[in-house]
Structure formats: structure tokens, C-alpha cells
Amino acid sequence: MIILSVLFVIVLFIPGIFIYLFIRPRKTFEQKYQDAIEEEALLREIGVSEKCPSCGHTIQNDWIVCPYCHTKIKKKCVQCGKPIELPWNLCPYCGEQQQKPFMDEKTS
């Protein structure tokens, strides 16, 4: 039995190496994961992967409303008209205040 096992290993060792090299994956899971992260970072850097928060469709940076689900994404500045984020109260382009400060009617 021992002699048969030794002969079996000696005979199949070289073909086994070639079969392994032929069947093994080109990239490991770690390499595939790192490539996916790098690709996502590059897409974010060029601004391609911006998505609608409601429906998830790809949108452009200067859109105010999503054309797919009609969700309001941004608002226009009251002074210069450029698109700004919804929670912003001050336009970063022209410096104009977007909402009038609350004034008490008794003091005016």
C-alpha cells in the first residue's frame, strides 16, 4: 500500500501542477475586491456615480429634480440661479442668503 501511494504521488505530481495552474483563478478574491474599491473611488472622483436618493437612478450633478421619480434633489439660488443643496441657507457661489431671517411682527 505504501509503495502504491508513493508511485501515485510521483506519477500525478507533475500533471497535478499543470492542472492547478490551468484551473486556478486569475485573481484572488482580495485582488478583485481591491480592484472594485479602486474603480468605485475613480468613478466618485469624476462624479459619474451620483445617484438619486429616492429611486437610485444615475443623475447629473447640476440637476434640480430627478427625471425618473420627480424627487427634488437641489434648489436654485434666489440670486444667481445655480443649483445648491437643499439644506444650505447660503449660496456658496454668490454668498446670498437663501431664506429670510425670521422677524417678529411686533418689532417691525
PDB file of N, CA and C in Angstrom:
ATOM      1  N   MET A   1       0.819  -1.186   0.000  1.00  0.00           N
ATOM      2  CA  MET A   1       0.000   0.000   0.000  1.00  0.00           C
ATOM      3  C   MET A   1       0.870   1.259   0.000  1.00  0.00           C
ATOM      4  N   ILE A   2       1.953   1.234   0.773  1.00  0.00           N
ATOM      5  CA  ILE A   2       2.849   2.392   0.837  1.00  0.00           C
ATOM      6  C   ILE A   2       3.520   2.614  -0.508  1.00  0.00           C
ATOM      7  N   ILE A   3       3.955   1.553  -1.143  1.00  0.00           N
ATOM      8  CA  ILE A   3       4.618   1.670  -2.449  1.00  0.00           C
ATOM      9  C   ILE A   3       3.635   2.210  -3.485  1.00  0.00           C
ATOM     10  N   LEU A   4       2.414   1.729  -3.463  1.00  0.00           N
ATOM     11  CA  LEU A   4       1.388   2.212  -4.389  1.00  0.00           C
ATOM     12  C   LEU A   4       1.104   3.697  -4.170  1.00  0.00           C
ATOM     13  N   SER A   5       1.045   4.144  -2.935  1.00  0.00           N
ATOM     14  CA  SER A   5       0.819   5.565  -2.626  1.00  0.00           C
ATOM     15  C   SER A   5       1.968   6.423  -3.112  1.00  0.00           C
ATOM     16  N   VAL A   6       3.201   5.980  -2.915  1.00  0.00           N
ATOM     17  CA  VAL A   6       4.378   6.735  -3.364  1.00  0.00           C
ATOM     18  C   VAL A   6       4.382   6.829  -4.875  1.00  0.00           C
ATOM     19  N   LEU A   7       4.104   5.738  -5.577  1.00  0.00           N
ATOM     20  CA  LEU A   7       4.051   5.756  -7.045  1.00  0.00           C
ATOM     21  C   LEU A   7       2.933   6.678  -7.543  1.00  0.00           C
ATOM     22  N   PHE A   8       1.807   6.650  -6.862  1.00  0.00           N
ATOM     23  CA  PHE A   8       0.679   7.505  -7.231  1.00  0.00           C
ATOM     24  C   PHE A   8       1.063   8.986  -7.135  1.00  0.00           C
ATOM     25  N   VAL A   9       1.759   9.373  -6.063  1.00  0.00           N
ATOM     26  CA  VAL A   9       2.188  10.766  -5.883  1.00  0.00           C
ATOM     27  C   VAL A   9       3.235  11.136  -6.922  1.00  0.00           C
ATOM     28  N   ILE A  10       4.176  10.256  -7.197  1.00  0.00           N
ATOM     29  CA  ILE A  10       5.240  10.551  -8.167  1.00  0.00           C
ATOM     30  C   ILE A  10       4.658  10.702  -9.569  1.00  0.00           C
ATOM     31  N   VAL A  11       3.727   9.852  -9.931  1.00  0.00           N
ATOM     32  CA  VAL A  11       3.162   9.880 -11.278  1.00  0.00           C
ATOM     33  C   VAL A  11       2.245  11.094 -11.476  1.00  0.00           C
ATOM     34  N   LEU A  12       1.454  11.455 -10.503  1.00  0.00           N
ATOM     35  CA  LEU A  12       0.479  12.541 -10.674  1.00  0.00           C
ATOM     36  C   LEU A  12       0.967  13.906 -10.193  1.00  0.00           C
ATOM     37  N   PHE A  13       2.203  13.987  -9.698  1.00  0.00           N
ATOM     38  CA  PHE A  13       2.699  15.260  -9.187  1.00  0.00           C
ATOM     39  C   PHE A  13       2.823  16.305 -10.307  1.00  0.00           C
ATOM     40  N   ILE A  14       3.520  15.975 -11.393  1.00  0.00           N
ATOM     41  CA  ILE A  14       3.749  16.921 -12.493  1.00  0.00           C
ATOM     42  C   ILE A  14       2.429  17.278 -13.196  1.00  0.00           C
ATOM     43  N   PRO A  15       1.576  16.324 -13.585  1.00  0.00           N
ATOM     44  CA  PRO A  15       0.298  16.724 -14.193  1.00  0.00           C
ATOM     45  C   PRO A  15      -0.583  17.528 -13.232  1.00  0.00           C
ATOM     46  N   GLY A  16      -0.481  17.240 -11.954  1.00  0.00           N
ATOM     47  CA  GLY A  16      -1.264  17.972 -10.969  1.00  0.00           C
ATOM     48  C   GLY A  16      -0.901  19.447 -10.928  1.00  0.00           C
ATOM     49  N   ILE A  17       0.390  19.744 -11.069  1.00  0.00           N
ATOM     50  CA  ILE A  17       0.828  21.144 -11.098  1.00  0.00           C
ATOM     51  C   ILE A  17       0.240  21.851 -12.316  1.00  0.00           C
ATOM     52  N   PHE A  18       0.289  21.215 -13.484  1.00  0.00           N
ATOM     53  CA  PHE A  18      -0.252  21.836 -14.692  1.00  0.00           C
ATOM     54  C   PHE A  18      -1.773  22.006 -14.607  1.00  0.00           C
ATOM     55  N   ILE A  19      -2.467  21.046 -14.034  1.00  0.00           N
ATOM     56  CA  ILE A  19      -3.915  21.157 -13.864  1.00  0.00           C
ATOM     57  C   ILE A  19      -4.243  22.307 -12.919  1.00  0.00           C
ATOM     58  N   TYR A  20      -3.491  22.442 -11.837  1.00  0.00           N
ATOM     59  CA  TYR A  20      -3.719  23.544 -10.896  1.00  0.00           C
ATOM     60  C   TYR A  20      -3.486  24.892 -11.571  1.00  0.00           C
ATOM     61  N   LEU A  21      -2.393  25.025 -12.328  1.00  0.00           N
ATOM     62  CA  LEU A  21      -2.105  26.291 -12.996  1.00  0.00           C
ATOM     63  C   LEU A  21      -3.159  26.629 -14.046  1.00  0.00           C
ATOM     64  N   PHE A  22      -3.755  25.629 -14.639  1.00  0.00           N
ATOM     65  CA  PHE A  22      -4.780  25.852 -15.656  1.00  0.00           C
ATOM     66  C   PHE A  22      -6.123  26.215 -15.033  1.00  0.00           C
ATOM     67  N   ILE A  23      -6.488  25.605 -13.921  1.00  0.00           N
ATOM     68  CA  ILE A  23      -7.809  25.776 -13.315  1.00  0.00           C
ATOM     69  C   ILE A  23      -7.883  26.948 -12.337  1.00  0.00           C
ATOM     70  N   ARG A  24      -6.794  27.301 -11.697  1.00  0.00           N
ATOM     71  CA  ARG A  24      -6.832  28.328 -10.652  1.00  0.00           C
ATOM     72  C   ARG A  24      -7.341  29.660 -11.193  1.00  0.00           C
ATOM     73  N   PRO A  25      -7.971  30.467 -10.361  1.00  0.00           N
ATOM     74  CA  PRO A  25      -8.469  31.781 -10.809  1.00  0.00           C
ATOM     75  C   PRO A  25      -7.315  32.739 -11.072  1.00  0.00           C
ATOM     76  N   ARG A  26      -7.543  33.649 -11.999  1.00  0.00           N
ATOM     77  CA  ARG A  26      -6.510  34.630 -12.361  1.00  0.00           C
ATOM     78  C   ARG A  26      -6.221  35.596 -11.212  1.00  0.00           C
ATOM     79  N   LYS A  27      -7.281  35.986 -10.520  1.00  0.00           N
ATOM     80  CA  LYS A  27      -7.138  36.921  -9.406  1.00  0.00           C
ATOM     81  C   LYS A  27      -7.781  36.326  -8.167  1.00  0.00           C
ATOM     82  N   THR A  28      -7.228  36.661  -7.016  1.00  0.00           N
ATOM     83  CA  THR A  28      -7.816  36.205  -5.763  1.00  0.00           C
ATOM     84  C   THR A  28      -9.004  37.099  -5.420  1.00  0.00           C
ATOM     85  N   PHE A  29      -9.795  36.673  -4.450  1.00  0.00           N
ATOM     86  CA  PHE A  29     -10.935  37.490  -4.016  1.00  0.00           C
ATOM     87  C   PHE A  29     -10.464  38.835  -3.482  1.00  0.00           C
ATOM     88  N   GLU A  30      -9.345  38.857  -2.790  1.00  0.00           N
ATOM     89  CA  GLU A  30      -8.803  40.110  -2.255  1.00  0.00           C
ATOM     90  C   GLU A  30      -8.424  41.063  -3.382  1.00  0.00           C
ATOM     91  N   GLN A  31      -7.801  40.549  -4.445  1.00  0.00           N
ATOM     92  CA  GLN A  31      -7.434  41.393  -5.575  1.00  0.00           C
ATOM     93  C   GLN A  31      -8.673  41.922  -6.290  1.00  0.00           C
ATOM     94  N   LYS A  32      -9.698  41.085  -6.444  1.00  0.00           N
ATOM     95  CA  LYS A  32     -10.943  41.534  -7.072  1.00  0.00           C
ATOM     96  C   LYS A  32     -11.618  42.611  -6.225  1.00  0.00           C
ATOM     97  N   TYR A  33     -11.608  42.447  -4.913  1.00  0.00           N
ATOM     98  CA  TYR A  33     -12.208  43.423  -4.003  1.00  0.00           C
ATOM     99  C   TYR A  33     -11.462  44.752  -4.076  1.00  0.00           C
ATOM    100  N   GLN A  34     -10.135  44.704  -4.072  1.00  0.00           N
ATOM    101  CA  GLN A  34      -9.331  45.922  -4.163  1.00  0.00           C
ATOM    102  C   GLN A  34      -9.564  46.629  -5.502  1.00  0.00           C
ATOM    103  N   ASP A  35      -9.672  45.883  -6.586  1.00  0.00           N
ATOM    104  CA  ASP A  35      -9.960  46.481  -7.886  1.00  0.00           C
ATOM    105  C   ASP A  35     -11.329  47.154  -7.903  1.00  0.00           C
ATOM    106  N   ALA A  36     -12.322  46.530  -7.274  1.00  0.00           N
ATOM    107  CA  ALA A  36     -13.662  47.114  -7.224  1.00  0.00           C
ATOM    108  C   ALA A  36     -13.668  48.406  -6.414  1.00  0.00           C
ATOM    109  N   ILE A  37     -12.946  48.421  -5.297  1.00  0.00           N
ATOM    110  CA  ILE A  37     -12.863  49.639  -4.478  1.00  0.00           C
ATOM    111  C   ILE A  37     -12.159  50.752  -5.255  1.00  0.00           C
ATOM    112  N   GLU A  38     -11.094  50.417  -5.948  1.00  0.00           N
ATOM    113  CA  GLU A  38     -10.366  51.416  -6.727  1.00  0.00           C
ATOM    114  C   GLU A  38     -11.230  51.977  -7.849  1.00  0.00           C
ATOM    115  N   GLU A  39     -11.985  51.117  -8.518  1.00  0.00           N
ATOM    116  CA  GLU A  39     -12.866  51.569  -9.587  1.00  0.00           C
ATOM    117  C   GLU A  39     -13.961  52.489  -9.044  1.00  0.00           C
ATOM    118  N   GLU A  40     -14.533  52.137  -7.907  1.00  0.00           N
ATOM    119  CA  GLU A  40     -15.571  52.973  -7.298  1.00  0.00           C
ATOM    120  C   GLU A  40     -15.015  54.334  -6.899  1.00  0.00           C
ATOM    121  N   ALA A  41     -13.791  54.356  -6.366  1.00  0.00           N
ATOM    122  CA  ALA A  41     -13.169  55.626  -5.988  1.00  0.00           C
ATOM    123  C   ALA A  41     -12.922  56.495  -7.214  1.00  0.00           C
ATOM    124  N   LEU A  42     -12.490  55.904  -8.308  1.00  0.00           N
ATOM    125  CA  LEU A  42     -12.267  56.672  -9.534  1.00  0.00           C
ATOM    126  C   LEU A  42     -13.570  57.231 -10.087  1.00  0.00           C
ATOM    127  N   LEU A  43     -14.640  56.433 -10.035  1.00  0.00           N
ATOM    128  CA  LEU A  43     -15.932  56.911 -10.509  1.00  0.00           C
ATOM    129  C   LEU A  43     -16.454  58.054  -9.653  1.00  0.00           C
ATOM    130  N   ARG A  44     -16.266  57.953  -8.345  1.00  0.00           N
ATOM    131  CA  ARG A  44     -16.699  59.049  -7.467  1.00  0.00           C
ATOM    132  C   ARG A  44     -15.890  60.309  -7.726  1.00  0.00           C
ATOM    133  N   GLU A  45     -14.614  60.126  -8.039  1.00  0.00           N
ATOM    134  CA  GLU A  45     -13.737  61.274  -8.274  1.00  0.00           C
ATOM    135  C   GLU A  45     -14.174  62.054  -9.506  1.00  0.00           C
ATOM    136  N   ILE A  46     -14.615  61.365 -10.543  1.00  0.00           N
ATOM    137  CA  ILE A  46     -15.040  62.071 -11.751  1.00  0.00           C
ATOM    138  C   ILE A  46     -16.526  62.414 -11.723  1.00  0.00           C
ATOM    139  N   GLY A  47     -17.235  62.007 -10.677  1.00  0.00           N
ATOM    140  CA  GLY A  47     -18.615  62.418 -10.497  1.00  0.00           C
ATOM    141  C   GLY A  47     -19.631  61.617 -11.280  1.00  0.00           C
ATOM    142  N   VAL A  48     -19.311  60.432 -11.740  1.00  0.00           N
ATOM    143  CA  VAL A  48     -20.225  59.650 -12.547  1.00  0.00           C
ATOM    144  C   VAL A  48     -21.247  58.919 -11.696  1.00  0.00           C
ATOM    145  N   SER A  49     -20.903  58.559 -10.489  1.00  0.00           N
ATOM    146  CA  SER A  49     -21.742  57.652  -9.717  1.00  0.00           C
ATOM    147  C   SER A  49     -22.736  58.359  -8.796  1.00  0.00           C
ATOM    148  N   GLU A  50     -23.066  59.611  -9.045  1.00  0.00           N
ATOM    149  CA  GLU A  50     -24.072  60.271  -8.206  1.00  0.00           C
ATOM    150  C   GLU A  50     -25.433  59.688  -8.525  1.00  0.00           C
ATOM    151  N   LYS A  51     -26.158  59.306  -7.488  1.00  0.00           N
ATOM    152  CA  LYS A  51     -27.441  58.634  -7.672  1.00  0.00           C
ATOM    153  C   LYS A  51     -28.546  59.387  -6.943  1.00  0.00           C
ATOM    154  N   CYS A  52     -29.759  59.229  -7.444  1.00  0.00           N
ATOM    155  CA  CYS A  52     -30.934  59.824  -6.815  1.00  0.00           C
ATOM    156  C   CYS A  52     -31.160  59.144  -5.469  1.00  0.00           C
ATOM    157  N   PRO A  53     -31.377  59.911  -4.397  1.00  0.00           N
ATOM    158  CA  PRO A  53     -31.588  59.289  -3.088  1.00  0.00           C
ATOM    159  C   PRO A  53     -32.906  58.526  -2.992  1.00  0.00           C
ATOM    160  N   SER A  54     -33.841  58.800  -3.878  1.00  0.00           N
ATOM    161  CA  SER A  54     -35.141  58.148  -3.814  1.00  0.00           C
ATOM    162  C   SER A  54     -35.204  56.869  -4.659  1.00  0.00           C
ATOM    163  N   CYS A  55     -34.861  56.970  -5.951  1.00  0.00           N
ATOM    164  CA  CYS A  55     -35.020  55.816  -6.843  1.00  0.00           C
ATOM    165  C   CYS A  55     -33.712  55.118  -7.183  1.00  0.00           C
ATOM    166  N   GLY A  56     -32.564  55.764  -6.980  1.00  0.00           N
ATOM    167  CA  GLY A  56     -31.276  55.136  -7.230  1.00  0.00           C
ATOM    168  C   GLY A  56     -30.772  55.261  -8.653  1.00  0.00           C
ATOM    169  N   HIS A  57     -31.492  55.936  -9.538  1.00  0.00           N
ATOM    170  CA  HIS A  57     -31.006  56.128 -10.896  1.00  0.00           C
ATOM    171  C   HIS A  57     -29.819  57.106 -10.896  1.00  0.00           C
ATOM    172  N   THR A  58     -28.952  56.981 -11.882  1.00  0.00           N
ATOM    173  CA  THR A  58     -27.811  57.880 -12.023  1.00  0.00           C
ATOM    174  C   THR A  58     -28.314  59.246 -12.460  1.00  0.00           C
ATOM    175  N   ILE A  59     -27.833  60.281 -11.783  1.00  0.00           N
ATOM    176  CA  ILE A  59     -28.242  61.650 -12.102  1.00  0.00           C
ATOM    177  C   ILE A  59     -27.007  62.500 -12.332  1.00  0.00           C
ATOM    178  N   GLN A  60     -27.209  63.637 -12.957  1.00  0.00           N
ATOM    179  CA  GLN A  60     -26.111  64.569 -13.188  1.00  0.00           C
ATOM    180  C   GLN A  60     -26.015  65.544 -12.018  1.00  0.00           C
ATOM    181  N   ASN A  61     -24.848  66.138 -11.885  1.00  0.00           N
ATOM    182  CA  ASN A  61     -24.550  66.996 -10.739  1.00  0.00           C
ATOM    183  C   ASN A  61     -25.384  68.276 -10.725  1.00  0.00           C
ATOM    184  N   ASP A  62     -25.773  68.786 -11.883  1.00  0.00           N
ATOM    185  CA  ASP A  62     -26.486  70.066 -11.926  1.00  0.00           C
ATOM    186  C   ASP A  62     -28.001  69.917 -12.050  1.00  0.00           C
ATOM    187  N   TRP A  63     -28.544  68.720 -11.928  1.00  0.00           N
ATOM    188  CA  TRP A  63     -29.988  68.533 -11.992  1.00  0.00           C
ATOM    189  C   TRP A  63     -30.638  68.978 -10.690  1.00  0.00           C
ATOM    190  N   ILE A  64     -31.813  69.566 -10.798  1.00  0.00           N
ATOM    191  CA  ILE A  64     -32.557  70.036  -9.632  1.00  0.00           C
ATOM    192  C   ILE A  64     -33.621  69.019  -9.235  1.00  0.00           C
ATOM    193  N   VAL A  65     -34.185  68.322 -10.221  1.00  0.00           N
ATOM    194  CA  VAL A  65     -35.225  67.317  -9.986  1.00  0.00           C
ATOM    195  C   VAL A  65     -34.835  66.039 -10.716  1.00  0.00           C
ATOM    196  N   CYS A  66     -35.074  64.892 -10.102  1.00  0.00           N
ATOM    197  CA  CYS A  66     -34.815  63.599 -10.742  1.00  0.00           C
ATOM    198  C   CYS A  66     -35.861  63.386 -11.841  1.00  0.00           C
ATOM    199  N   PRO A  67     -35.448  63.161 -13.089  1.00  0.00           N
ATOM    200  CA  PRO A  67     -36.423  62.981 -14.164  1.00  0.00           C
ATOM    201  C   PRO A  67     -37.158  61.643 -14.099  1.00  0.00           C
ATOM    202  N   TYR A  68     -36.674  60.715 -13.289  1.00  0.00           N
ATOM    203  CA  TYR A  68     -37.296  59.397 -13.204  1.00  0.00           C
ATOM    204  C   TYR A  68     -38.421  59.365 -12.172  1.00  0.00           C
ATOM    205  N   CYS A  69     -38.155  59.899 -10.975  1.00  0.00           N
ATOM    206  CA  CYS A  69     -39.152  59.799  -9.896  1.00  0.00           C
ATOM    207  C   CYS A  69     -39.663  61.171  -9.444  1.00  0.00           C
ATOM    208  N   HIS A  70     -39.159  62.262 -10.040  1.00  0.00           N
ATOM    209  CA  HIS A  70     -39.596  63.633  -9.763  1.00  0.00           C
ATOM    210  C   HIS A  70     -39.291  64.085  -8.334  1.00  0.00           C
ATOM    211  N   THR A  71     -38.265  63.495  -7.729  1.00  0.00           N
ATOM    212  CA  THR A  71     -37.843  63.910  -6.398  1.00  0.00           C
ATOM    213  C   THR A  71     -36.983  65.161  -6.516  1.00  0.00           C
ATOM    214  N   LYS A  72     -37.245  66.134  -5.649  1.00  0.00           N
ATOM    215  CA  LYS A  72     -36.448  67.359  -5.648  1.00  0.00           C
ATOM    216  C   LYS A  72     -35.076  67.037  -5.052  1.00  0.00           C
ATOM    217  N   ILE A  73     -34.025  67.274  -5.818  1.00  0.00           N
ATOM    218  CA  ILE A  73     -32.670  66.927  -5.409  1.00  0.00           C
ATOM    219  C   ILE A  73     -31.926  68.157  -4.892  1.00  0.00           C
ATOM    220  N   LYS A  74     -32.077  69.267  -5.583  1.00  0.00           N
ATOM    221  CA  LYS A  74     -31.408  70.515  -5.211  1.00  0.00           C
ATOM    222  C   LYS A  74     -32.395  71.657  -5.399  1.00  0.00           C
ATOM    223  N   LYS A  75     -31.969  72.855  -4.998  1.00  0.00           N
ATOM    224  CA  LYS A  75     -32.787  74.041  -5.221  1.00  0.00           C
ATOM    225  C   LYS A  75     -31.932  75.095  -5.901  1.00  0.00           C
ATOM    226  N   LYS A  76     -32.593  76.050  -6.549  1.00  0.00           N
ATOM    227  CA  LYS A  76     -31.876  77.140  -7.218  1.00  0.00           C
ATOM    228  C   LYS A  76     -31.611  78.268  -6.234  1.00  0.00           C
ATOM    229  N   CYS A  77     -30.479  78.893  -6.397  1.00  0.00           N
ATOM    230  CA  CYS A  77     -30.164  80.081  -5.601  1.00  0.00           C
ATOM    231  C   CYS A  77     -31.113  81.207  -6.006  1.00  0.00           C
ATOM    232  N   VAL A  78     -31.588  81.966  -5.025  1.00  0.00           N
ATOM    233  CA  VAL A  78     -32.512  83.063  -5.319  1.00  0.00           C
ATOM    234  C   VAL A  78     -31.808  84.209  -6.036  1.00  0.00           C
ATOM    235  N   GLN A  79     -30.488  84.318  -5.925  1.00  0.00           N
ATOM    236  CA  GLN A  79     -29.744  85.402  -6.547  1.00  0.00           C
ATOM    237  C   GLN A  79     -29.163  84.993  -7.899  1.00  0.00           C
ATOM    238  N   CYS A  80     -28.306  83.965  -7.920  1.00  0.00           N
ATOM    239  CA  CYS A  80     -27.588  83.618  -9.152  1.00  0.00           C
ATOM    240  C   CYS A  80     -28.231  82.470  -9.925  1.00  0.00           C
ATOM    241  N   GLY A  81     -29.119  81.702  -9.321  1.00  0.00           N
ATOM    242  CA  GLY A  81     -29.825  80.638 -10.022  1.00  0.00           C
ATOM    243  C   GLY A  81     -29.063  79.330 -10.155  1.00  0.00           C
ATOM    244  N   LYS A  82     -27.893  79.228  -9.566  1.00  0.00           N
ATOM    245  CA  LYS A  82     -27.130  77.979  -9.648  1.00  0.00           C
ATOM    246  C   LYS A  82     -27.723  76.951  -8.686  1.00  0.00           C
ATOM    247  N   PRO A  83     -27.614  75.655  -9.030  1.00  0.00           N
ATOM    248  CA  PRO A  83     -28.166  74.623  -8.138  1.00  0.00           C
ATOM    249  C   PRO A  83     -27.324  74.472  -6.877  1.00  0.00           C
ATOM    250  N   ILE A  84     -28.000  74.454  -5.725  1.00  0.00           N
ATOM    251  CA  ILE A  84     -27.328  74.256  -4.436  1.00  0.00           C
ATOM    252  C   ILE A  84     -28.064  73.169  -3.664  1.00  0.00           C
ATOM    253  N   GLU A  85     -27.421  72.625  -2.655  1.00  0.00           N
ATOM    254  CA  GLU A  85     -28.015  71.560  -1.856  1.00  0.00           C
ATOM    255  C   GLU A  85     -29.244  72.082  -1.106  1.00  0.00           C
ATOM    256  N   LEU A  86     -30.204  71.206  -0.863  1.00  0.00           N
ATOM    257  CA  LEU A  86     -31.454  71.611  -0.209  1.00  0.00           C
ATOM    258  C   LEU A  86     -31.253  72.216   1.184  1.00  0.00           C
ATOM    259  N   PRO A  87     -30.427  71.664   2.064  1.00  0.00           N
ATOM    260  CA  PRO A  87     -30.331  72.233   3.419  1.00  0.00           C
ATOM    261  C   PRO A  87     -29.511  73.518   3.514  1.00  0.00           C
ATOM    262  N   TRP A  88     -28.826  73.906   2.450  1.00  0.00           N
ATOM    263  CA  TRP A  88     -27.973  75.099   2.525  1.00  0.00           C
ATOM    264  C   TRP A  88     -28.817  76.366   2.587  1.00  0.00           C
ATOM    265  N   ASN A  89     -28.463  77.260   3.486  1.00  0.00           N
ATOM    266  CA  ASN A  89     -29.152  78.545   3.607  1.00  0.00           C
ATOM    267  C   ASN A  89     -28.340  79.691   3.020  1.00  0.00           C
ATOM    268  N   LEU A  90     -27.151  79.389   2.546  1.00  0.00           N
ATOM    269  CA  LEU A  90     -26.267  80.404   1.973  1.00  0.00           C
ATOM    270  C   LEU A  90     -25.691  79.840   0.686  1.00  0.00           C
ATOM    271  N   CYS A  91     -25.741  80.600  -0.387  1.00  0.00           N
ATOM    272  CA  CYS A  91     -25.215  80.141  -1.678  1.00  0.00           C
ATOM    273  C   CYS A  91     -23.686  80.208  -1.656  1.00  0.00           C
ATOM    274  N   PRO A  92     -22.982  79.114  -1.970  1.00  0.00           N
ATOM    275  CA  PRO A  92     -21.522  79.147  -1.980  1.00  0.00           C
ATOM    276  C   PRO A  92     -20.953  79.884  -3.185  1.00  0.00           C
ATOM    277  N   TYR A  93     -21.769  80.156  -4.202  1.00  0.00           N
ATOM    278  CA  TYR A  93     -21.296  80.823  -5.412  1.00  0.00           C
ATOM    279  C   TYR A  93     -21.364  82.349  -5.304  1.00  0.00           C
ATOM    280  N   CYS A  94     -22.489  82.862  -4.786  1.00  0.00           N
ATOM    281  CA  CYS A  94     -22.646  84.320  -4.723  1.00  0.00           C
ATOM    282  C   CYS A  94     -22.737  84.842  -3.295  1.00  0.00           C
ATOM    283  N   GLY A  95     -22.910  83.973  -2.309  1.00  0.00           N
ATOM    284  CA  GLY A  95     -22.972  84.400  -0.911  1.00  0.00           C
ATOM    285  C   GLY A  95     -24.328  84.909  -0.471  1.00  0.00           C
ATOM    286  N   GLU A  96     -25.339  84.779  -1.298  1.00  0.00           N
ATOM    287  CA  GLU A  96     -26.673  85.280  -0.978  1.00  0.00           C
ATOM    288  C   GLU A  96     -27.375  84.367   0.022  1.00  0.00           C
ATOM    289  N   GLN A  97     -28.021  84.954   1.011  1.00  0.00           N
ATOM    290  CA  GLN A  97     -28.804  84.187   1.980  1.00  0.00           C
ATOM    291  C   GLN A  97     -30.049  83.672   1.270  1.00  0.00           C
ATOM    292  N   GLN A  98     -30.382  82.401   1.471  1.00  0.00           N
ATOM    293  CA  GLN A  98     -31.483  81.768   0.750  1.00  0.00           C
ATOM    294  C   GLN A  98     -32.826  81.952   1.437  1.00  0.00           C
ATOM    295  N   GLN A  99     -32.843  82.043   2.735  1.00  0.00           N
ATOM    296  CA  GLN A  99     -34.090  82.254   3.450  1.00  0.00           C
ATOM    297  C   GLN A  99     -33.972  83.547   4.239  1.00  0.00           C
ATOM    298  N   LYS A 100     -35.043  84.264   4.267  1.00  0.00           N
ATOM    299  CA  LYS A 100     -35.042  85.492   5.050  1.00  0.00           C
ATOM    300  C   LYS A 100     -35.041  85.146   6.525  1.00  0.00           C
ATOM    301  N   PRO A 101     -34.256  85.820   7.353  1.00  0.00           N
ATOM    302  CA  PRO A 101     -34.282  85.553   8.791  1.00  0.00           C
ATOM    303  C   PRO A 101     -35.663  85.867   9.355  1.00  0.00           C
ATOM    304  N   PHE A 102     -36.067  85.121  10.356  1.00  0.00           N
ATOM    305  CA  PHE A 102     -37.370  85.305  10.979  1.00  0.00           C
ATOM    306  C   PHE A 102     -37.384  86.641  11.718  1.00  0.00           C
ATOM    307  N   MET A 103     -38.391  87.433  11.394  1.00  0.00           N
ATOM    308  CA  MET A 103     -38.514  88.729  12.076  1.00  0.00           C
ATOM    309  C   MET A 103     -39.868  88.757  12.780  1.00  0.00           C
ATOM    310  N   ASP A 104     -39.845  89.193  14.005  1.00  0.00           N
ATOM    311  CA  ASP A 104     -41.070  89.287  14.781  1.00  0.00           C
ATOM    312  C   ASP A 104     -41.894  90.466  14.249  1.00  0.00           C
ATOM    313  N   GLU A 105     -43.199  90.286  14.092  1.00  0.00           N
ATOM    314  CA  GLU A 105     -44.043  91.330  13.558  1.00  0.00           C
ATOM    315  C   GLU A 105     -44.130  92.530  14.492  1.00  0.00           C
ATOM    316  N   LYS A 106     -43.970  92.333  15.777  1.00  0.00           N
ATOM    317  CA  LYS A 106     -44.067  93.421  16.737  1.00  0.00           C
ATOM    318  C   LYS A 106     -42.871  94.382  16.632  1.00  0.00           C
ATOM    319  N   THR A 107     -41.697  93.866  16.218  1.00  0.00           N
ATOM    320  CA  THR A 107     -40.511  94.704  16.171  1.00  0.00           C
ATOM    321  C   THR A 107     -40.398  95.460  14.860  1.00  0.00           C
ATOM    322  N   SER A 108     -41.189  95.108  13.834  1.00  0.00           N
ATOM    323  CA  SER A 108     -41.051  95.813  12.568  1.00  0.00           C
ATOM    324  C   SER A 108     -41.965  96.958  12.378  1.00  0.00           C
TER     325      SER A 108
END
